[in-house]
Structure formats: C-alpha cells, structure tokens
C-alpha cells in the first residue's frame, strides 16, 4: 500500500510556522533595538543642547 507524502508528517507546516514565528520575533526585537538607539541618541543631543544653554545663561548672569 502506497502512502502519501503527508502520511509520514501529520503537520507539514508546523515547522514552517515555528520558523516564521521566530523570524517575526527576531525582526521585532531588532526594530525595537534600532528605535531605542535612535531615540537615545536624539535625546542625548537635546539634553546636551539644553545643558549648554543653561551653562551659557548661568555664565551671562554671573557677569
């Protein structure tokens, strides 16, 4: 009796769904890492600008 290819694997798409889930998770993690790095860099620049303005204001007020 000949068996069909699906008979040996009852769920042929189960492994594919697993790899798809892992790929989506890794992609989401990478996107969040890139976003947080970008936001951190922009916040740091803004923070340094605010500190420089405060220092300039302080020096001018001391004169």
N, C-alpha and C. Protein backbone atom coordinates (compact mmCIF):
# COMPACT_ATOMS: atom_id res chain seq x y z
N UNK A 1 0.85 -1.16 0.00
CA UNK A 1 0.00 0.00 0.00
C UNK A 1 0.90 1.24 0.00
N UNK A 2 0.67 2.10 -0.96
CA UNK A 2 1.49 3.30 -1.10
C UNK A 2 0.96 4.38 -0.15
N UNK A 3 1.90 5.05 0.47
CA UNK A 3 1.49 6.11 1.39
C UNK A 3 1.77 7.47 0.73
N UNK A 4 0.95 8.41 1.06
CA UNK A 4 1.15 9.75 0.52
C UNK A 4 2.26 10.46 1.30
N UNK A 5 2.86 11.50 0.76
CA UNK A 5 3.93 12.20 1.47
C UNK A 5 3.46 12.81 2.79
N UNK A 6 2.17 13.12 2.87
CA UNK A 6 1.65 13.72 4.09
C UNK A 6 1.46 12.68 5.21
N UNK A 7 1.48 11.42 4.88
CA UNK A 7 1.25 10.40 5.88
C UNK A 7 2.43 10.31 6.86
N UNK A 8 3.64 10.56 6.40
CA UNK A 8 4.79 10.48 7.29
C UNK A 8 4.86 11.70 8.21
N UNK A 9 4.43 12.86 7.74
CA UNK A 9 4.39 14.07 8.55
C UNK A 9 2.95 14.52 8.70
N UNK A 10 2.38 14.36 9.87
CA UNK A 10 0.97 14.75 10.04
C UNK A 10 0.75 16.26 9.94
N UNK A 11 1.77 17.05 10.27
CA UNK A 11 1.66 18.52 10.21
C UNK A 11 2.85 19.08 9.44
N UNK A 12 2.79 19.08 8.12
CA UNK A 12 3.95 19.51 7.33
C UNK A 12 4.28 21.00 7.50
N UNK A 13 3.30 21.81 7.90
CA UNK A 13 3.53 23.25 8.01
C UNK A 13 3.90 23.68 9.43
N UNK A 14 3.95 22.73 10.34
CA UNK A 14 4.22 23.06 11.74
C UNK A 14 5.62 23.67 11.89
N UNK A 15 6.62 23.10 11.24
CA UNK A 15 7.99 23.59 11.33
C UNK A 15 8.11 24.96 10.65
N UNK A 16 7.42 25.13 9.55
CA UNK A 16 7.45 26.42 8.84
C UNK A 16 6.86 27.52 9.72
N UNK A 17 5.77 27.24 10.41
CA UNK A 17 5.15 28.22 11.30
C UNK A 17 6.09 28.55 12.46
N UNK A 18 6.82 27.56 12.94
CA UNK A 18 7.77 27.79 14.01
C UNK A 18 8.86 28.76 13.56
N UNK A 19 9.45 28.52 12.40
CA UNK A 19 10.49 29.42 11.90
C UNK A 19 9.94 30.81 11.58
N UNK A 20 8.71 30.88 11.10
CA UNK A 20 8.07 32.16 10.85
C UNK A 20 7.90 32.93 12.15
N UNK A 21 7.46 32.25 13.20
CA UNK A 21 7.28 32.90 14.50
C UNK A 21 8.61 33.41 15.03
N UNK A 22 9.65 32.61 14.94
CA UNK A 22 10.98 33.02 15.40
C UNK A 22 11.47 34.21 14.58
N UNK A 23 11.28 34.18 13.28
CA UNK A 23 11.72 35.28 12.42
C UNK A 23 11.00 36.58 12.76
N UNK A 24 9.70 36.51 13.01
CA UNK A 24 8.93 37.70 13.37
C UNK A 24 9.42 38.25 14.71
N UNK A 25 9.68 37.36 15.67
CA UNK A 25 10.16 37.80 16.98
C UNK A 25 11.51 38.50 16.86
N UNK A 26 12.43 37.90 16.11
CA UNK A 26 13.77 38.49 15.94
C UNK A 26 13.68 39.83 15.21
N UNK A 27 12.85 39.91 14.18
CA UNK A 27 12.68 41.16 13.45
C UNK A 27 12.10 42.24 14.35
N UNK A 28 11.11 41.90 15.14
CA UNK A 28 10.52 42.87 16.08
C UNK A 28 11.53 43.35 17.10
N UNK A 29 12.35 42.44 17.61
CA UNK A 29 13.38 42.82 18.58
C UNK A 29 14.40 43.76 17.95
N UNK A 30 14.80 43.47 16.71
CA UNK A 30 15.77 44.33 16.03
C UNK A 30 15.19 45.72 15.76
N UNK A 31 13.92 45.78 15.38
CA UNK A 31 13.29 47.08 15.13
C UNK A 31 13.23 47.89 16.42
N UNK A 32 12.84 47.25 17.53
CA UNK A 32 12.79 47.96 18.80
C UNK A 32 14.17 48.42 19.25
N UNK A 33 15.19 47.61 19.02
CA UNK A 33 16.56 47.99 19.39
C UNK A 33 17.02 49.19 18.57
N UNK A 34 16.74 49.18 17.28
CA UNK A 34 17.14 50.31 16.43
C UNK A 34 16.37 51.57 16.84
N UNK A 35 15.10 51.44 17.14
CA UNK A 35 14.29 52.59 17.54
C UNK A 35 14.79 53.18 18.86
N UNK A 36 15.06 52.32 19.83
CA UNK A 36 15.52 52.82 21.13
C UNK A 36 16.90 53.46 21.02
N UNK A 37 17.76 52.92 20.16
CA UNK A 37 19.08 53.53 19.96
C UNK A 37 18.95 54.91 19.33
N UNK A 38 18.08 55.03 18.34
CA UNK A 38 17.85 56.32 17.68
C UNK A 38 17.26 57.33 18.65
N UNK A 39 16.28 56.92 19.42
CA UNK A 39 15.66 57.83 20.38
C UNK A 39 16.67 58.24 21.46
N UNK A 40 17.50 57.31 21.89
CA UNK A 40 18.52 57.62 22.88
C UNK A 40 19.52 58.62 22.36
N UNK A 41 19.92 58.47 21.12
CA UNK A 41 20.88 59.39 20.52
C UNK A 41 20.26 60.78 20.37
N UNK A 42 19.01 60.86 19.95
CA UNK A 42 18.35 62.16 19.79
C UNK A 42 18.14 62.82 21.14
N UNK A 43 17.76 62.05 22.16
CA UNK A 43 17.55 62.62 23.49
C UNK A 43 18.87 63.15 24.05
N UNK A 44 19.95 62.43 23.81
CA UNK A 44 21.26 62.84 24.30
C UNK A 44 21.66 64.17 23.67
N UNK A 45 21.41 64.32 22.37
CA UNK A 45 21.74 65.57 21.69
C UNK A 45 20.91 66.71 22.27
N UNK A 46 19.63 66.48 22.46
CA UNK A 46 18.76 67.52 23.03
C UNK A 46 19.20 67.87 24.44
N UNK A 47 19.56 66.85 25.22
CA UNK A 47 19.98 67.08 26.59
C UNK A 47 21.25 67.92 26.62
N UNK A 48 22.20 67.63 25.75
CA UNK A 48 23.44 68.40 25.69
C UNK A 48 23.18 69.84 25.27
N UNK A 49 22.24 70.05 24.35
CA UNK A 49 21.88 71.41 23.93
C UNK A 49 21.28 72.19 25.09
N UNK A 50 20.41 71.53 25.86
CA UNK A 50 19.78 72.19 27.00
C UNK A 50 20.84 72.53 28.05
N UNK A 51 21.76 71.61 28.29
CA UNK A 51 22.82 71.87 29.26
C UNK A 51 23.72 73.02 28.81
N UNK A 52 24.03 73.08 27.53
CA UNK A 52 24.87 74.16 27.01
C UNK A 52 24.15 75.50 27.16
N UNK A 53 22.86 75.55 26.86
CA UNK A 53 22.10 76.79 27.00
C UNK A 53 22.03 77.21 28.47
N UNK A 54 21.85 76.25 29.36
CA UNK A 54 21.79 76.58 30.78
C UNK A 54 23.11 77.13 31.27
N UNK A 55 24.20 76.52 30.83
CA UNK A 55 25.53 76.99 31.23
C UNK A 55 25.80 78.38 30.69
N UNK A 56 25.40 78.63 29.44
CA UNK A 56 25.57 79.97 28.85
C UNK A 56 24.77 81.00 29.63
N UNK A 57 23.54 80.65 29.98
CA UNK A 57 22.70 81.55 30.74
C UNK A 57 23.32 81.83 32.12
N UNK A 58 23.87 80.79 32.75
CA UNK A 58 24.49 80.95 34.06
C UNK A 58 25.71 81.85 33.99
N UNK A 59 26.54 81.66 32.97
CA UNK A 59 27.75 82.48 32.83
C UNK A 59 27.37 83.94 32.56
N UNK A 60 26.36 84.16 31.72
CA UNK A 60 25.93 85.54 31.43
C UNK A 60 25.35 86.20 32.67
N UNK A 61 24.64 85.44 33.49
CA UNK A 61 24.05 86.04 34.69
C UNK A 61 25.11 86.36 35.73
N UNK A 62 26.24 85.69 35.69
CA UNK A 62 27.33 85.96 36.64
C UNK A 62 28.10 87.21 36.26
N UNK A 63 28.05 87.63 35.02
CA UNK A 63 28.80 88.83 34.57
C UNK A 63 28.16 90.11 34.99
